[in-house]
Amino acid sequence: MELKQAIEKRSSIRTYKQDPVPPEDLKEMVRLASLAPSVANFQPWKFVIVTNKDLMRDMARKVARKIEEIPPNESRAAKNVKSQVEWFATFFQDAPAVIAVAMEPYESVLEKGVVIDHDEINRQRNYPDFQSAGACIQNMLLAAVDMNYGACWLSAPMMAKEALSSMLELEDKYQLVAFVAVGIPERVPPKKQVKDVDEMLKIIE
């Protein structure tokens, strides 16, 4: 598949057939993800592939519990909103596989020569480590499409990232960034309307 085709075909897939994804395919998605650019070629990422259904359900329960703990506001829609968010945050439990993406903090060379701490430099540089993680995840999504799978990038489960990190046995130096659910699509949703390029683009000559 050509890169342009993969980009145009990619969509967020949230329902999957229960056919397992072969380990070698998941490993190849991770390999291609790791070829993404990263700040100073630091390659900060760590990946954990989970296909154990009991563990996936336990992780989803931790996320659901965290969402339940959030105090609702007084609106009439509060209950429905929380229910909807819970589904979007936990549907990964029904996927054949979920890939956890974590990263370790990048220490800028600048930190060694100035009186500004890591967090402030990271803020001023607009979080280059998270930008690196985003590039990595996009590679993974496109790799899944190219291999005839569907995938979805999830950030909502990160509301329970401390508990999830423990369940995934991540080393302390790694920060959990996102999940990517993967499987054969149960159905492919219709393409969403996208903005015209001229609406989004400004050219300064």
C-alpha atoms as a PDB file:
ATOM      1  CA  MET A   1       0.000   0.000   0.000  1.00  0.00           C
ATOM      2  CA  GLU A   2       1.317   3.474  -0.857  1.00  0.00           C
ATOM      3  CA  LEU A   3       1.840   5.880   2.038  1.00  0.00           C
ATOM      4  CA  LYS A   4      -0.757   8.291   0.620  1.00  0.00           C
ATOM      5  CA  GLN A   5      -3.318   5.466   0.517  1.00  0.00           C
ATOM      6  CA  ALA A   6      -2.609   4.479   4.124  1.00  0.00           C
ATOM      7  CA  ILE A   7      -2.966   8.071   5.304  1.00  0.00           C
ATOM      8  CA  GLU A   8      -6.257   8.537   3.445  1.00  0.00           C
ATOM      9  CA  LYS A   9      -7.607   5.142   4.551  1.00  0.00           C
ATOM     10  CA  ARG A  10      -6.751   5.527   8.236  1.00  0.00           C
ATOM     11  CA  SER A  11      -9.632   6.077  10.629  1.00  0.00           C
ATOM     12  CA  SER A  12     -10.199   5.394  14.320  1.00  0.00           C
ATOM     13  CA  ILE A  13     -11.507   1.832  14.630  1.00  0.00           C
ATOM     14  CA  ARG A  14     -13.211   0.987  17.912  1.00  0.00           C
ATOM     15  CA  THR A  15     -14.961  -2.337  17.196  1.00  0.00           C
ATOM     16  CA  TYR A  16     -13.045  -5.452  16.233  1.00  0.00           C
ATOM     17  CA  LYS A  17     -13.448  -9.046  15.189  1.00  0.00           C
ATOM     18  CA  GLN A  18     -12.101 -11.411  17.810  1.00  0.00           C
ATOM     19  CA  ASP A  19      -9.508 -12.952  15.502  1.00  0.00           C
ATOM     20  CA  PRO A  20      -6.157 -12.721  17.278  1.00  0.00           C
ATOM     21  CA  VAL A  21      -3.441 -10.508  15.835  1.00  0.00           C
ATOM     22  CA  PRO A  22      -0.289 -12.598  15.316  1.00  0.00           C
ATOM     23  CA  PRO A  23       2.577 -11.561  17.626  1.00  0.00           C
ATOM     24  CA  GLU A  24       4.867 -11.006  14.652  1.00  0.00           C
ATOM     25  CA  ASP A  25       2.425  -8.455  13.208  1.00  0.00           C
ATOM     26  CA  LEU A  26       2.223  -6.581  16.508  1.00  0.00           C
ATOM     27  CA  LYS A  27       6.003  -6.634  16.778  1.00  0.00           C
ATOM     28  CA  GLU A  28       6.307  -5.212  13.251  1.00  0.00           C
ATOM     29  CA  MET A  29       3.911  -2.363  14.138  1.00  0.00           C
ATOM     30  CA  VAL A  30       6.131  -1.542  17.120  1.00  0.00           C
ATOM     31  CA  ARG A  31       9.277  -1.708  14.976  1.00  0.00           C
ATOM     32  CA  LEU A  32       7.821   0.720  12.446  1.00  0.00           C
ATOM     33  CA  ALA A  33       6.565   2.979  15.236  1.00  0.00           C
ATOM     34  CA  SER A  34      10.080   3.169  16.667  1.00  0.00           C
ATOM     35  CA  LEU A  35      11.431   4.558  13.389  1.00  0.00           C
ATOM     36  CA  ALA A  36       9.648   7.855  14.029  1.00  0.00           C
ATOM     37  CA  PRO A  37      11.716  10.986  14.595  1.00  0.00           C
ATOM     38  CA  SER A  38      12.455  11.847  18.205  1.00  0.00           C
ATOM     39  CA  VAL A  39      14.075  14.805  19.902  1.00  0.00           C
ATOM     40  CA  ALA A  40      17.881  14.493  19.464  1.00  0.00           C
ATOM     41  CA  ASN A  41      17.229  10.892  18.316  1.00  0.00           C
ATOM     42  CA  PHE A  42      16.677  10.059  21.990  1.00  0.00           C
ATOM     43  CA  GLN A  43      14.142   7.341  21.126  1.00  0.00           C
ATOM     44  CA  PRO A  44      12.455   7.666  24.526  1.00  0.00           C
ATOM     45  CA  TRP A  45       9.801   5.036  24.014  1.00  0.00           C
ATOM     46  CA  LYS A  46       8.969   1.739  25.610  1.00  0.00           C
ATOM     47  CA  PHE A  47       6.166  -0.522  24.351  1.00  0.00           C
ATOM     48  CA  VAL A  48       4.108  -3.170  26.130  1.00  0.00           C
ATOM     49  CA  ILE A  49       1.863  -5.420  24.034  1.00  0.00           C
ATOM     50  CA  VAL A  50      -1.089  -6.896  25.926  1.00  0.00           C
ATOM     51  CA  THR A  51      -3.254  -9.701  24.540  1.00  0.00           C
ATOM     52  CA  ASN A  52      -4.208 -11.209  27.908  1.00  0.00           C
ATOM     53  CA  LYS A  53      -7.967 -10.632  28.136  1.00  0.00           C
ATOM     54  CA  ASP A  54      -8.109 -10.869  31.930  1.00  0.00           C
ATOM     55  CA  LEU A  55      -5.471  -8.175  32.268  1.00  0.00           C
ATOM     56  CA  MET A  56      -7.193  -5.987  29.677  1.00  0.00           C
ATOM     57  CA  ARG A  57     -10.490  -6.247  31.586  1.00  0.00           C
ATOM     58  CA  ASP A  58      -8.730  -5.453  34.864  1.00  0.00           C
ATOM     59  CA  MET A  59      -7.128  -2.387  33.290  1.00  0.00           C
ATOM     60  CA  ALA A  60     -10.486  -1.251  31.928  1.00  0.00           C
ATOM     61  CA  ARG A  61     -12.014  -1.605  35.403  1.00  0.00           C
ATOM     62  CA  LYS A  62      -9.281   0.609  36.859  1.00  0.00           C
ATOM     63  CA  VAL A  63     -10.014   3.261  34.237  1.00  0.00           C
ATOM     64  CA  ALA A  64     -13.783   3.036  34.791  1.00  0.00           C
ATOM     65  CA  ARG A  65     -13.300   3.393  38.550  1.00  0.00           C
ATOM     66  CA  LYS A  66     -11.190   6.515  38.030  1.00  0.00           C
ATOM     67  CA  ILE A  67     -13.896   8.065  35.862  1.00  0.00           C
ATOM     68  CA  GLU A  68     -16.561   7.181  38.439  1.00  0.00           C
ATOM     69  CA  GLU A  69     -14.562   9.095  41.061  1.00  0.00           C
ATOM     70  CA  ILE A  70     -14.793  12.359  39.100  1.00  0.00           C
ATOM     71  CA  PRO A  71     -17.489  14.526  40.719  1.00  0.00           C
ATOM     72  CA  PRO A  72     -20.309  15.283  38.244  1.00  0.00           C
ATOM     73  CA  ASN A  73     -21.593  18.790  37.746  1.00  0.00           C
ATOM     74  CA  GLU A  74     -25.229  19.796  38.142  1.00  0.00           C
ATOM     75  CA  SER A  75     -26.187  19.415  34.490  1.00  0.00           C
ATOM     76  CA  ARG A  76     -28.895  16.967  33.406  1.00  0.00           C
ATOM     77  CA  ALA A  77     -26.434  15.447  30.944  1.00  0.00           C
ATOM     78  CA  ALA A  78     -23.794  14.611  33.563  1.00  0.00           C
ATOM     79  CA  LYS A  79     -24.661  10.921  33.917  1.00  0.00           C
ATOM     80  CA  ASN A  80     -24.799  10.322  30.160  1.00  0.00           C
ATOM     81  CA  VAL A  81     -21.564  12.215  29.616  1.00  0.00           C
ATOM     82  CA  LYS A  82     -19.676  10.109  32.134  1.00  0.00           C
ATOM     83  CA  SER A  83     -21.140   6.913  30.691  1.00  0.00           C
ATOM     84  CA  GLN A  84     -20.079   7.914  27.188  1.00  0.00           C
ATOM     85  CA  VAL A  85     -16.577   8.864  28.303  1.00  0.00           C
ATOM     86  CA  GLU A  86     -16.246   5.567  30.162  1.00  0.00           C
ATOM     87  CA  TRP A  87     -16.993   3.593  26.995  1.00  0.00           C
ATOM     88  CA  PHE A  88     -14.503   5.571  24.916  1.00  0.00           C
ATOM     89  CA  ALA A  89     -11.896   5.075  27.650  1.00  0.00           C
ATOM     90  CA  THR A  90     -12.398   1.318  28.107  1.00  0.00           C
ATOM     91  CA  PHE A  91     -13.365  -0.210  24.743  1.00  0.00           C
ATOM     92  CA  PHE A  92      -9.749  -1.363  24.371  1.00  0.00           C
ATOM     93  CA  GLN A  93     -10.716  -4.348  26.561  1.00  0.00           C
ATOM     94  CA  ASP A  94     -12.670  -5.766  23.609  1.00  0.00           C
ATOM     95  CA  ALA A  95      -9.798  -5.472  21.131  1.00  0.00           C
ATOM     96  CA  PRO A  96      -7.615  -8.504  20.365  1.00  0.00           C
ATOM     97  CA  ALA A  97      -4.566  -6.481  21.434  1.00  0.00           C
ATOM     98  CA  VAL A  98      -3.624  -3.191  23.025  1.00  0.00           C
ATOM     99  CA  ILE A  99      -0.186  -1.616  22.770  1.00  0.00           C
ATOM    100  CA  ALA A 100       0.846   0.636  25.634  1.00  0.00           C
ATOM    101  CA  VAL A 101       3.249   3.413  24.669  1.00  0.00           C
ATOM    102  CA  ALA A 102       5.472   4.869  27.390  1.00  0.00           C
ATOM    103  CA  MET A 103       8.501   7.142  27.324  1.00  0.00           C
ATOM    104  CA  GLU A 104      11.290   8.321  29.554  1.00  0.00           C
ATOM    105  CA  PRO A 105      11.886  12.056  30.068  1.00  0.00           C
ATOM    106  CA  TYR A 106      14.342  13.684  27.690  1.00  0.00           C
ATOM    107  CA  GLU A 107      17.145  15.641  29.346  1.00  0.00           C
ATOM    108  CA  SER A 108      18.004  18.583  27.113  1.00  0.00           C
ATOM    109  CA  VAL A 109      21.639  19.614  26.677  1.00  0.00           C
ATOM    110  CA  LEU A 110      20.412  23.079  27.688  1.00  0.00           C
ATOM    111  CA  GLU A 111      19.711  21.804  31.216  1.00  0.00           C
ATOM    112  CA  LYS A 112      23.439  21.349  31.799  1.00  0.00           C
ATOM    113  CA  GLY A 113      24.243  25.010  31.200  1.00  0.00           C
ATOM    114  CA  VAL A 114      21.366  27.133  32.422  1.00  0.00           C
ATOM    115  CA  VAL A 115      19.476  27.803  35.635  1.00  0.00           C
ATOM    116  CA  ILE A 116      16.134  26.544  34.345  1.00  0.00           C
ATOM    117  CA  ASP A 117      14.748  23.192  35.426  1.00  0.00           C
ATOM    118  CA  HIS A 118      13.663  20.367  33.154  1.00  0.00           C
ATOM    119  CA  ASP A 119       9.945  21.084  33.388  1.00  0.00           C
ATOM    120  CA  GLU A 120      10.360  24.740  32.446  1.00  0.00           C
ATOM    121  CA  ILE A 121      12.627  23.954  29.475  1.00  0.00           C
ATOM    122  CA  ASN A 122      10.187  21.282  28.363  1.00  0.00           C
ATOM    123  CA  ARG A 123       7.326  23.776  28.579  1.00  0.00           C
ATOM    124  CA  GLN A 124       9.221  26.451  26.648  1.00  0.00           C
ATOM    125  CA  ARG A 125      10.127  23.947  23.925  1.00  0.00           C
ATOM    126  CA  ASN A 126       6.486  22.861  23.757  1.00  0.00           C
ATOM    127  CA  TYR A 127       7.056  19.337  25.126  1.00  0.00           C
ATOM    128  CA  PRO A 128       9.359  17.783  22.496  1.00  0.00           C
ATOM    129  CA  ASP A 129       9.207  14.383  24.205  1.00  0.00           C
ATOM    130  CA  PHE A 130       5.410  14.266  23.833  1.00  0.00           C
ATOM    131  CA  GLN A 131       5.757  15.445  20.249  1.00  0.00           C
ATOM    132  CA  SER A 132       8.138  12.520  19.680  1.00  0.00           C
ATOM    133  CA  ALA A 133       5.600  10.115  21.195  1.00  0.00           C
ATOM    134  CA  GLY A 134       2.899  11.497  18.896  1.00  0.00           C
ATOM    135  CA  ALA A 135       5.041  10.865  15.821  1.00  0.00           C
ATOM    136  CA  CYS A 136       5.718   7.331  17.043  1.00  0.00           C
ATOM    137  CA  ILE A 137       2.014   6.598  17.571  1.00  0.00           C
ATOM    138  CA  GLN A 138       1.120   7.944  14.127  1.00  0.00           C
ATOM    139  CA  ASN A 139       3.665   5.566  12.598  1.00  0.00           C
ATOM    140  CA  MET A 140       2.002   2.723  14.473  1.00  0.00           C
ATOM    141  CA  LEU A 141      -1.480   3.667  13.251  1.00  0.00           C
ATOM    142  CA  LEU A 142      -0.337   3.845   9.631  1.00  0.00           C
ATOM    143  CA  ALA A 143       1.541   0.558   9.969  1.00  0.00           C
ATOM    144  CA  ALA A 144      -1.680  -1.075  11.199  1.00  0.00           C
ATOM    145  CA  VAL A 145      -3.595   0.224   8.169  1.00  0.00           C
ATOM    146  CA  ASP A 146      -0.868  -0.961   5.806  1.00  0.00           C
ATOM    147  CA  MET A 147      -1.115  -4.431   7.368  1.00  0.00           C
ATOM    148  CA  ASN A 148      -4.935  -4.464   6.965  1.00  0.00           C
ATOM    149  CA  TYR A 149      -5.746  -3.918  10.627  1.00  0.00           C
ATOM    150  CA  GLY A 150      -7.731  -1.213  12.348  1.00  0.00           C
ATOM    151  CA  ALA A 151      -6.358   0.770  15.266  1.00  0.00           C
ATOM    152  CA  CYS A 152      -7.319   3.563  17.619  1.00  0.00           C
ATOM    153  CA  TRP A 153      -5.203   5.976  19.648  1.00  0.00           C
ATOM    154  CA  LEU A 154      -6.523   6.312  23.216  1.00  0.00           C
ATOM    155  CA  SER A 155      -5.520   8.981  25.706  1.00  0.00           C
ATOM    156  CA  ALA A 156      -8.545   8.742  28.040  1.00  0.00           C
ATOM    157  CA  PRO A 157      -7.227   5.634  29.888  1.00  0.00           C
ATOM    158  CA  MET A 158      -4.303   7.764  31.050  1.00  0.00           C
ATOM    159  CA  MET A 159      -6.565   9.154  33.780  1.00  0.00           C
ATOM    160  CA  ALA A 160      -5.566   5.942  35.590  1.00  0.00           C
ATOM    161  CA  LYS A 161      -1.976   5.859  34.357  1.00  0.00           C
ATOM    162  CA  GLU A 162      -0.404   5.265  37.772  1.00  0.00           C
ATOM    163  CA  ALA A 163      -2.456   2.112  38.325  1.00  0.00           C
ATOM    164  CA  LEU A 164      -2.002   1.014  34.711  1.00  0.00           C
ATOM    165  CA  SER A 165       1.770   1.519  34.888  1.00  0.00           C
ATOM    166  CA  SER A 166       1.898  -0.767  37.898  1.00  0.00           C
ATOM    167  CA  MET A 167      -0.235  -3.412  36.184  1.00  0.00           C
ATOM    168  CA  LEU A 168       2.037  -3.278  33.135  1.00  0.00           C
ATOM    169  CA  GLU A 169       5.114  -3.516  35.379  1.00  0.00           C
ATOM    170  CA  LEU A 170       6.705  -0.443  33.834  1.00  0.00           C
ATOM    171  CA  GLU A 171       9.982   0.756  35.293  1.00  0.00           C
ATOM    172  CA  ASP A 172       9.705   3.991  37.268  1.00  0.00           C
ATOM    173  CA  LYS A 173      11.647   5.982  34.670  1.00  0.00           C
ATOM    174  CA  TYR A 174       8.915   5.435  32.061  1.00  0.00           C
ATOM    175  CA  GLN A 175       5.778   7.555  31.861  1.00  0.00           C
ATOM    176  CA  LEU A 176       2.716   5.997  30.257  1.00  0.00           C
ATOM    177  CA  VAL A 177       1.578   8.157  27.314  1.00  0.00           C
ATOM    178  CA  ALA A 178      -1.202   6.354  25.420  1.00  0.00           C
ATOM    179  CA  PHE A 179      -2.789   3.076  24.379  1.00  0.00           C
ATOM    180  CA  VAL A 180      -3.273   1.882  20.824  1.00  0.00           C
ATOM    181  CA  ALA A 181      -5.998  -0.744  20.381  1.00  0.00           C
ATOM    182  CA  VAL A 182      -5.470  -3.062  17.400  1.00  0.00           C
ATOM    183  CA  GLY A 183      -7.520  -5.687  15.577  1.00  0.00           C
ATOM    184  CA  ILE A 184      -9.357  -6.612  12.408  1.00  0.00           C
ATOM    185  CA  PRO A 185     -12.163  -4.065  12.009  1.00  0.00           C
ATOM    186  CA  GLU A 186     -15.666  -5.332  12.742  1.00  0.00           C
ATOM    187  CA  ARG A 187     -16.839  -2.563  10.477  1.00  0.00           C
ATOM    188  CA  VAL A 188     -15.239   0.468   8.899  1.00  0.00           C
ATOM    189  CA  PRO A 189     -17.090   3.661   9.814  1.00  0.00           C
ATOM    190  CA  PRO A 190     -17.833   6.174   7.080  1.00  0.00           C
ATOM    191  CA  LYS A 191     -15.131   8.743   6.626  1.00  0.00           C
ATOM    192  CA  LYS A 192     -15.686  11.887   8.625  1.00  0.00           C
ATOM    193  CA  GLN A 193     -15.836  15.184   6.843  1.00  0.00           C
ATOM    194  CA  VAL A 194     -12.465  16.900   6.855  1.00  0.00           C
ATOM    195  CA  LYS A 195     -11.679  20.554   6.438  1.00  0.00           C
ATOM    196  CA  ASP A 196     -10.583  21.751   3.035  1.00  0.00           C
ATOM    197  CA  VAL A 197      -6.836  22.332   2.919  1.00  0.00           C
ATOM    198  CA  ASP A 198      -7.307  26.000   2.013  1.00  0.00           C
ATOM    199  CA  GLU A 199      -9.313  26.474   5.197  1.00  0.00           C
ATOM    200  CA  MET A 200      -6.409  25.254   7.314  1.00  0.00           C
ATOM    201  CA  LEU A 201      -3.464  26.649   5.370  1.00  0.00           C
ATOM    202  CA  LYS A 202      -1.660  29.966   5.406  1.00  0.00           C
ATOM    203  CA  ILE A 203       1.278  30.582   3.067  1.00  0.00           C
ATOM    204  CA  ILE A 204       3.747  33.402   3.763  1.00  0.00           C
ATOM    205  CA  GLU A 205       5.948  34.154   0.748  1.00  0.00           C
END
